Every structure is written in C-alpha cells, then in structure tokens.
Amino acid sequence: MNPIVQTPRLILRQAQLGDAEPIARYLNDFGVAGNLARVPFPYHLSDAKAWLRTRVPNLPVEETNFTIDLPGEGLAGHVGFHRGPQGPIIGYWLGRPFWDRGIMTEAVRASLEWFFAASTADTVYSGVYHFNAASLAIQMRLGFTETGRSSLLCLARGAEVEHIDTELTRARFQQNRDPVLRPEIAERDIWKARDK
C-alpha cells in the first residue's frame, strides 16, 4: 500500500530515496532527535539512507509512514505507524524551520483519520518524553488520553527517559473529529488499504 493523503496545506506521501538529505539535515538537530526514541544523534546521511531502504512498497497499515510535504517548501517532517506490544503506535517529528505553524497537528490528524479508516484497530498508542510539552499538546488536542508513565530509551540521549504514555481510541477520535482529508484523494487510498 502506497497511500497519499492531502490536507488543505499538506501532502502526506511515501518516503523516497531523494528525501535522504532533508531527513538527515532535520534529524541532525538535537532539538528534534532528542525528543524521539529511535533516532540516534548525531544523525548522518547514511542513517537516512539506511532507514529509507526499509520503506518498501505495500507495507501493512500498521507500518505505514508518511513524509510531510509542504508544497512550495518541501519535506517538513514525518508521521508514521509501527507495531508495538499493545498495538499500533504513532510517532512523528517536524524539522525546526516548520515549528509553531500548526503543521504537525494537521498531519497527525490526517494520518489518524486515514489509519482508522484503513484498519480495524480500535486504539492507537503514543506518548512523549516528559519535557516535550508541544507534542503532548498536539496529542491532547486530538483526543489522546494519558494512561501512565514509563521509562523509554532515547537513542539521541543515550539514556532511559521518563515517558508519558498515551492512547487514542477510535470512538474518542470520532467524537473529536475535525476532518482534514480531501475526500477525492483519501477515499481511493482507504479502499486500496482495506482490500489488502
């Protein structure tokens, strides 16, 4: 499955090998990498290329990732899903030049809307390191609820860090729903995902 999701301002698309340079540039910023669990610091072009090689076509819904493209400005960040011990986990990052513009809220909302339409999962899990108030605010705005605290390894920091665990149920997301998808694009890819 290779979905493309459009919002009024963004295109969420599959990562491409040509994305390696901006990915490496934005993730080689401790202000970004230090908020993520699975990203080392420093982050090199070779790290980006190695990760991009894992982005093969037709991954399952629970392993789908989107590059956040801002028309006229290019790659701004990333939002994606991976399998966790309790179920699907959503994670995301945004390059520093794009902070404080509402981009991540729009991208996460659109990717969740796509995910719940394309999968049968009832809950998506996530969380933030205790110091990442901006990311927690995005999650609270979208209906996530705090479920507890844990410790989670942060590769960039080389340490276990206090983590605020969160989850979002399908029902809660639908209650707070503020659709951002452009239906003519989204429906095509949602049905493709359901047919797989």
C-alpha atoms as a PDB file:
ATOM      1  CA  MET A   1       0.000   0.000   0.000  1.00  0.00           C
ATOM      2  CA  ASN A   2       1.366   3.375  -1.009  1.00  0.00           C
ATOM      3  CA  PRO A   3      -1.254   5.888   0.078  1.00  0.00           C
ATOM      4  CA  ILE A   4      -1.130   9.623  -0.472  1.00  0.00           C
ATOM      5  CA  VAL A   5      -3.169  11.831   1.843  1.00  0.00           C
ATOM      6  CA  GLN A   6      -3.831  15.517   1.171  1.00  0.00           C
ATOM      7  CA  THR A   7      -4.967  18.177   3.584  1.00  0.00           C
ATOM      8  CA  PRO A   8      -5.650  21.834   2.796  1.00  0.00           C
ATOM      9  CA  ARG A   9      -1.931  22.642   3.276  1.00  0.00           C
ATOM     10  CA  LEU A  10      -0.036  19.351   3.196  1.00  0.00           C
ATOM     11  CA  ILE A  11       0.686  16.279   1.137  1.00  0.00           C
ATOM     12  CA  LEU A  12       1.408  13.139   3.156  1.00  0.00           C
ATOM     13  CA  ARG A  13       3.240  10.735   0.865  1.00  0.00           C
ATOM     14  CA  GLN A  14       5.563   7.793   0.996  1.00  0.00           C
ATOM     15  CA  ALA A  15       9.226   8.491   1.661  1.00  0.00           C
ATOM     16  CA  GLN A  16      11.594   8.393  -1.317  1.00  0.00           C
ATOM     17  CA  LEU A  17      15.358   7.969  -1.608  1.00  0.00           C
ATOM     18  CA  GLY A  18      15.577  11.635  -2.656  1.00  0.00           C
ATOM     19  CA  ASP A  19      14.342  12.586   0.835  1.00  0.00           C
ATOM     20  CA  ALA A  20      17.597  11.475   2.482  1.00  0.00           C
ATOM     21  CA  GLU A  21      19.286  14.899   2.591  1.00  0.00           C
ATOM     22  CA  PRO A  22      16.448  16.864   4.235  1.00  0.00           C
ATOM     23  CA  ILE A  23      15.746  13.975   6.629  1.00  0.00           C
ATOM     24  CA  ALA A  24      19.397  13.919   7.684  1.00  0.00           C
ATOM     25  CA  ARG A  25      19.515  17.726   7.980  1.00  0.00           C
ATOM     26  CA  TYR A  26      16.424  17.962  10.212  1.00  0.00           C
ATOM     27  CA  LEU A  27      17.183  14.900  12.359  1.00  0.00           C
ATOM     28  CA  ASN A  28      20.771  16.025  12.922  1.00  0.00           C
ATOM     29  CA  ASP A  29      19.313  18.654  15.257  1.00  0.00           C
ATOM     30  CA  PHE A  30      19.311  17.582  18.899  1.00  0.00           C
ATOM     31  CA  GLY A  31      16.181  19.695  19.439  1.00  0.00           C
ATOM     32  CA  VAL A  32      14.388  17.228  17.143  1.00  0.00           C
ATOM     33  CA  ALA A  33      16.280  13.956  17.710  1.00  0.00           C
ATOM     34  CA  GLY A  34      16.310  14.414  21.495  1.00  0.00           C
ATOM     35  CA  ASN A  35      12.513  14.133  21.530  1.00  0.00           C
ATOM     36  CA  LEU A  36      12.454  10.818  19.641  1.00  0.00           C
ATOM     37  CA  ALA A  37      13.028   7.284  20.889  1.00  0.00           C
ATOM     38  CA  ARG A  38      14.506   5.576  17.845  1.00  0.00           C
ATOM     39  CA  VAL A  39      16.719   8.281  16.277  1.00  0.00           C
ATOM     40  CA  PRO A  40      20.446   8.476  17.081  1.00  0.00           C
ATOM     41  CA  PHE A  41      22.384  11.712  17.405  1.00  0.00           C
ATOM     42  CA  PRO A  42      24.361  12.809  15.546  1.00  0.00           C
ATOM     43  CA  TYR A  43      22.224  11.684  12.603  1.00  0.00           C
ATOM     44  CA  HIS A  44      24.066  11.198   9.325  1.00  0.00           C
ATOM     45  CA  LEU A  45      23.080  10.995   5.678  1.00  0.00           C
ATOM     46  CA  SER A  46      23.951   7.288   5.835  1.00  0.00           C
ATOM     47  CA  ASP A  47      21.376   6.860   8.654  1.00  0.00           C
ATOM     48  CA  ALA A  48      18.684   8.439   6.500  1.00  0.00           C
ATOM     49  CA  LYS A  49      19.595   6.279   3.504  1.00  0.00           C
ATOM     50  CA  ALA A  50      19.572   3.116   5.648  1.00  0.00           C
ATOM     51  CA  TRP A  51      16.134   3.960   7.040  1.00  0.00           C
ATOM     52  CA  LEU A  52      14.762   4.791   3.598  1.00  0.00           C
ATOM     53  CA  ARG A  53      15.821   1.345   2.364  1.00  0.00           C
ATOM     54  CA  THR A  54      13.360  -0.146   4.898  1.00  0.00           C
ATOM     55  CA  ARG A  55      10.451   1.778   3.348  1.00  0.00           C
ATOM     56  CA  VAL A  56       9.444  -0.852   0.811  1.00  0.00           C
ATOM     57  CA  PRO A  57       6.156  -0.706  -1.126  1.00  0.00           C
ATOM     58  CA  ASN A  58       3.000  -2.307   0.226  1.00  0.00           C
ATOM     59  CA  LEU A  59       3.780  -2.370   3.947  1.00  0.00           C
ATOM     60  CA  PRO A  60       0.805  -3.196   6.191  1.00  0.00           C
ATOM     61  CA  VAL A  61      -1.360  -0.355   7.522  1.00  0.00           C
ATOM     62  CA  GLU A  62       0.312  -0.673  10.957  1.00  0.00           C
ATOM     63  CA  GLU A  63       3.714   0.018   9.374  1.00  0.00           C
ATOM     64  CA  THR A  64       2.730   2.848   7.031  1.00  0.00           C
ATOM     65  CA  ASN A  65       4.722   6.055   7.234  1.00  0.00           C
ATOM     66  CA  PHE A  66       4.172   9.423   5.623  1.00  0.00           C
ATOM     67  CA  THR A  67       6.609  12.120   4.648  1.00  0.00           C
ATOM     68  CA  ILE A  68       5.060  15.517   5.336  1.00  0.00           C
ATOM     69  CA  ASP A  69       5.433  17.673   2.248  1.00  0.00           C
ATOM     70  CA  LEU A  70       4.581  21.355   2.351  1.00  0.00           C
ATOM     71  CA  PRO A  71       4.007  22.486  -1.257  1.00  0.00           C
ATOM     72  CA  GLY A  72       6.446  25.210  -2.202  1.00  0.00           C
ATOM     73  CA  GLU A  73       8.712  24.412   0.776  1.00  0.00           C
ATOM     74  CA  GLY A  74       9.404  20.683   0.512  1.00  0.00           C
ATOM     75  CA  LEU A  75       9.857  17.984   3.123  1.00  0.00           C
ATOM     76  CA  ALA A  76       8.905  19.259   6.578  1.00  0.00           C
ATOM     77  CA  GLY A  77       8.872  16.102   8.686  1.00  0.00           C
ATOM     78  CA  HIS A  78       7.413  12.685   9.130  1.00  0.00           C
ATOM     79  CA  VAL A  79       4.463  10.879  10.721  1.00  0.00           C
ATOM     80  CA  GLY A  80       4.046   7.139  10.813  1.00  0.00           C
ATOM     81  CA  PHE A  81       2.880   3.975  12.475  1.00  0.00           C
ATOM     82  CA  HIS A  82       4.731   0.933  13.754  1.00  0.00           C
ATOM     83  CA  ARG A  83       3.719  -2.152  15.661  1.00  0.00           C
ATOM     84  CA  GLY A  84       4.078  -2.082  19.426  1.00  0.00           C
ATOM     85  CA  PRO A  85       3.463  -4.627  22.190  1.00  0.00           C
ATOM     86  CA  GLN A  86      -0.103  -3.385  22.795  1.00  0.00           C
ATOM     87  CA  GLY A  87      -0.936  -2.409  19.220  1.00  0.00           C
ATOM     88  CA  PRO A  88      -0.127   0.259  16.639  1.00  0.00           C
ATOM     89  CA  ILE A  89       1.990   3.209  17.747  1.00  0.00           C
ATOM     90  CA  ILE A  90       2.067   6.598  16.038  1.00  0.00           C
ATOM     91  CA  GLY A  91       5.203   8.701  16.068  1.00  0.00           C
ATOM     92  CA  TYR A  92       6.140  11.940  14.370  1.00  0.00           C
ATOM     93  CA  TRP A  93       8.740  14.664  14.020  1.00  0.00           C
ATOM     94  CA  LEU A  94       8.956  18.068  12.364  1.00  0.00           C
ATOM     95  CA  GLY A  95      12.017  19.970  11.198  1.00  0.00           C
ATOM     96  CA  ARG A  96      12.757  23.067  13.285  1.00  0.00           C
ATOM     97  CA  PRO A  97      12.010  25.567  10.458  1.00  0.00           C
ATOM     98  CA  PHE A  98       8.408  24.326  10.454  1.00  0.00           C
ATOM     99  CA  TRP A  99       7.657  24.540  14.176  1.00  0.00           C
ATOM    100  CA  ASP A 100       4.822  26.711  15.537  1.00  0.00           C
ATOM    101  CA  ARG A 101       2.779  26.686  12.328  1.00  0.00           C
ATOM    102  CA  GLY A 102       0.166  24.026  13.189  1.00  0.00           C
ATOM    103  CA  ILE A 103       1.656  21.663  10.624  1.00  0.00           C
ATOM    104  CA  MET A 104       2.089  18.700  12.940  1.00  0.00           C
ATOM    105  CA  THR A 105      -1.427  18.847  14.349  1.00  0.00           C
ATOM    106  CA  GLU A 106      -2.789  18.840  10.797  1.00  0.00           C
ATOM    107  CA  ALA A 107      -0.502  15.982   9.705  1.00  0.00           C
ATOM    108  CA  VAL A 108      -1.189  13.792  12.745  1.00  0.00           C
ATOM    109  CA  ARG A 109      -4.950  14.369  12.491  1.00  0.00           C
ATOM    110  CA  ALA A 110      -4.940  13.430   8.786  1.00  0.00           C
ATOM    111  CA  SER A 111      -2.797  10.339   9.318  1.00  0.00           C
ATOM    112  CA  LEU A 112      -5.046   9.168  12.175  1.00  0.00           C
ATOM    113  CA  GLU A 113      -8.144   9.712  10.075  1.00  0.00           C
ATOM    114  CA  TRP A 114      -6.545   7.667   7.294  1.00  0.00           C
ATOM    115  CA  PHE A 115      -5.399   4.974   9.744  1.00  0.00           C
ATOM    116  CA  PHE A 116      -8.766   4.467  11.438  1.00  0.00           C
ATOM    117  CA  ALA A 117     -10.489   4.288   8.042  1.00  0.00           C
ATOM    118  CA  ALA A 118      -7.927   1.820   6.645  1.00  0.00           C
ATOM    119  CA  SER A 119      -7.562  -0.502   9.647  1.00  0.00           C
ATOM    120  CA  THR A 120      -9.681  -2.360  12.162  1.00  0.00           C
ATOM    121  CA  ALA A 121      -7.588  -1.249  15.148  1.00  0.00           C
ATOM    122  CA  ASP A 122      -9.631   0.227  17.986  1.00  0.00           C
ATOM    123  CA  THR A 123      -6.734   2.023  19.683  1.00  0.00           C
ATOM    124  CA  VAL A 124      -3.562   3.824  18.635  1.00  0.00           C
ATOM    125  CA  TYR A 125      -0.812   4.260  21.227  1.00  0.00           C
ATOM    126  CA  SER A 126       1.770   7.002  21.547  1.00  0.00           C
ATOM    127  CA  GLY A 127       3.399   9.186  24.143  1.00  0.00           C
ATOM    128  CA  VAL A 128       6.015  11.837  24.697  1.00  0.00           C
ATOM    129  CA  TYR A 129       9.052  12.374  26.845  1.00  0.00           C
ATOM    130  CA  HIS A 130       8.063  14.296  29.967  1.00  0.00           C
ATOM    131  CA  PHE A 131       9.705  17.527  28.752  1.00  0.00           C
ATOM    132  CA  ASN A 132       8.010  17.593  25.321  1.00  0.00           C
ATOM    133  CA  ALA A 133       5.022  19.819  26.120  1.00  0.00           C
ATOM    134  CA  ALA A 134       4.425  20.791  22.471  1.00  0.00           C
ATOM    135  CA  SER A 135       3.982  17.193  21.357  1.00  0.00           C
ATOM    136  CA  LEU A 136       1.772  16.389  24.337  1.00  0.00           C
ATOM    137  CA  ALA A 137      -0.415  19.397  23.478  1.00  0.00           C
ATOM    138  CA  ILE A 138      -0.894  18.039  19.939  1.00  0.00           C
ATOM    139  CA  GLN A 139      -1.979  14.690  21.311  1.00  0.00           C
ATOM    140  CA  MET A 140      -4.381  16.200  23.851  1.00  0.00           C
ATOM    141  CA  ARG A 141      -5.917  18.416  21.147  1.00  0.00           C
ATOM    142  CA  LEU A 142      -6.595  15.303  19.042  1.00  0.00           C
ATOM    143  CA  GLY A 143      -8.223  13.355  21.889  1.00  0.00           C
ATOM    144  CA  PHE A 144      -5.385  11.204  23.244  1.00  0.00           C
ATOM    145  CA  THR A 145      -5.583  10.416  26.946  1.00  0.00           C
ATOM    146  CA  GLU A 146      -2.709   9.898  29.330  1.00  0.00           C
ATOM    147  CA  THR A 147      -2.540   6.284  30.525  1.00  0.00           C
ATOM    148  CA  GLY A 148       0.536   6.348  32.734  1.00  0.00           C
ATOM    149  CA  ARG A 149       4.256   6.913  32.936  1.00  0.00           C
ATOM    150  CA  SER A 150       7.139   4.690  31.948  1.00  0.00           C
ATOM    151  CA  SER A 151      10.810   4.874  31.046  1.00  0.00           C
ATOM    152  CA  LEU A 152      11.776   4.705  27.401  1.00  0.00           C
ATOM    153  CA  LEU A 153      15.223   4.632  25.834  1.00  0.00           C
ATOM    154  CA  CYS A 154      16.090   7.765  23.871  1.00  0.00           C
ATOM    155  CA  LEU A 155      18.908   6.865  21.467  1.00  0.00           C
ATOM    156  CA  ALA A 156      19.899  10.512  20.947  1.00  0.00           C
ATOM    157  CA  ARG A 157      20.314  10.998  24.702  1.00  0.00           C
ATOM    158  CA  GLY A 158      21.779   7.547  25.311  1.00  0.00           C
ATOM    159  CA  ALA A 159      19.543   7.110  28.361  1.00  0.00           C
ATOM    160  CA  GLU A 160      16.205   5.920  29.652  1.00  0.00           C
ATOM    161  CA  VAL A 161      13.913   8.947  29.948  1.00  0.00           C
ATOM    162  CA  GLU A 162      10.583   9.431  31.716  1.00  0.00           C
ATOM    163  CA  HIS A 163       7.811   8.937  29.174  1.00  0.00           C
ATOM    164  CA  ILE A 164       4.149   9.975  29.329  1.00  0.00           C
ATOM    165  CA  ASP A 165       2.171   7.121  27.779  1.00  0.00           C
ATOM    166  CA  THR A 166      -0.959   7.997  25.793  1.00  0.00           C
ATOM    167  CA  GLU A 167      -3.642   6.307  23.739  1.00  0.00           C
ATOM    168  CA  LEU A 168      -6.428   7.288  21.383  1.00  0.00           C
ATOM    169  CA  THR A 169      -9.465   5.105  20.799  1.00  0.00           C
ATOM    170  CA  ARG A 170     -11.361   5.058  17.559  1.00  0.00           C
ATOM    171  CA  ALA A 171     -14.528   6.214  19.367  1.00  0.00           C
ATOM    172  CA  ARG A 172     -12.794   9.165  21.038  1.00  0.00           C
ATOM    173  CA  PHE A 173     -11.188  10.223  17.760  1.00  0.00           C
ATOM    174  CA  GLN A 174     -14.563  10.132  16.014  1.00  0.00           C
ATOM    175  CA  GLN A 175     -16.119  12.228  18.813  1.00  0.00           C
ATOM    176  CA  ASN A 176     -13.426  14.892  18.364  1.00  0.00           C
ATOM    177  CA  ARG A 177     -13.334  14.509  14.615  1.00  0.00           C
ATOM    178  CA  ASP A 178     -12.396  17.522  12.560  1.00  0.00           C
ATOM    179  CA  PRO A 179     -11.756  16.012   9.134  1.00  0.00           C
ATOM    180  CA  VAL A 180      -8.831  17.423   7.198  1.00  0.00           C
ATOM    181  CA  LEU A 181      -8.600  14.892   4.381  1.00  0.00           C
ATOM    182  CA  ARG A 182      -9.524  15.823   0.859  1.00  0.00           C
ATOM    183  CA  PRO A 183     -12.120  13.097   0.169  1.00  0.00           C
ATOM    184  CA  GLU A 184     -11.320  12.582  -3.512  1.00  0.00           C
ATOM    185  CA  ILE A 185      -7.750  11.575  -2.597  1.00  0.00           C
ATOM    186  CA  ALA A 186      -8.347   9.860   0.707  1.00  0.00           C
ATOM    187  CA  GLU A 187     -11.191   7.542  -0.312  1.00  0.00           C
ATOM    188  CA  ARG A 188      -9.187   5.995  -3.155  1.00  0.00           C
ATOM    189  CA  ASP A 189      -6.343   5.023  -0.833  1.00  0.00           C
ATOM    190  CA  ILE A 190      -8.569   3.953   2.049  1.00  0.00           C
ATOM    191  CA  TRP A 191     -10.305   1.407  -0.167  1.00  0.00           C
ATOM    192  CA  LYS A 192      -6.992   0.167  -1.516  1.00  0.00           C
ATOM    193  CA  ALA A 193      -5.823  -0.402   2.056  1.00  0.00           C
ATOM    194  CA  ARG A 194      -8.977  -2.272   3.018  1.00  0.00           C
ATOM    195  CA  ASP A 195      -8.634  -4.572   0.022  1.00  0.00           C
ATOM    196  CA  LYS A 196      -5.143  -5.741   1.086  1.00  0.00           C
END
